[in-house]
Amino acid sequence: MKHIGTLAGTLAVLSLINWGLTLLFPVNYVDIGIPLAVLAVFIAHSFGNSGGGIGTRQVDMEVRGETGIQMKLENQTSERSFIFFGTLVYLLGILLLAVAIYWEYFFS
């Protein structure tokens, strides 16, 4: 239930930011929503919870090779937050809304 609340809260915050931007600038909700959603996905991915990757293991192996000290290697998994999933859902929703609104422009 907590995860659903996080996902819904993310969607609500992004919608409110998008609505505020449409009041501030003379643009359509969908037109400003796509760049906002892409930016939100980038920020959520950048600051999200990710545990090591190829770069981290490469540095560990370089230190191990240069010093001769055996380091404990752990299998680290990436855990994406529900905020990240919420931003992806918002991006998908805003893209589907854009296609629905601009259907004739895209497919005529």
Foldseek 3Di string as FASTA:
>chain_A
DVLVVLLVVLLVVLLVVLVVVVVVDVDDSLVVSQVSLVVQLVVQVVPFAADDDPVVVVVQVVVCVVPVDDDDDDDGGTDRGSSNVSSVVSNVVSVVVVCVVCVVVVPD
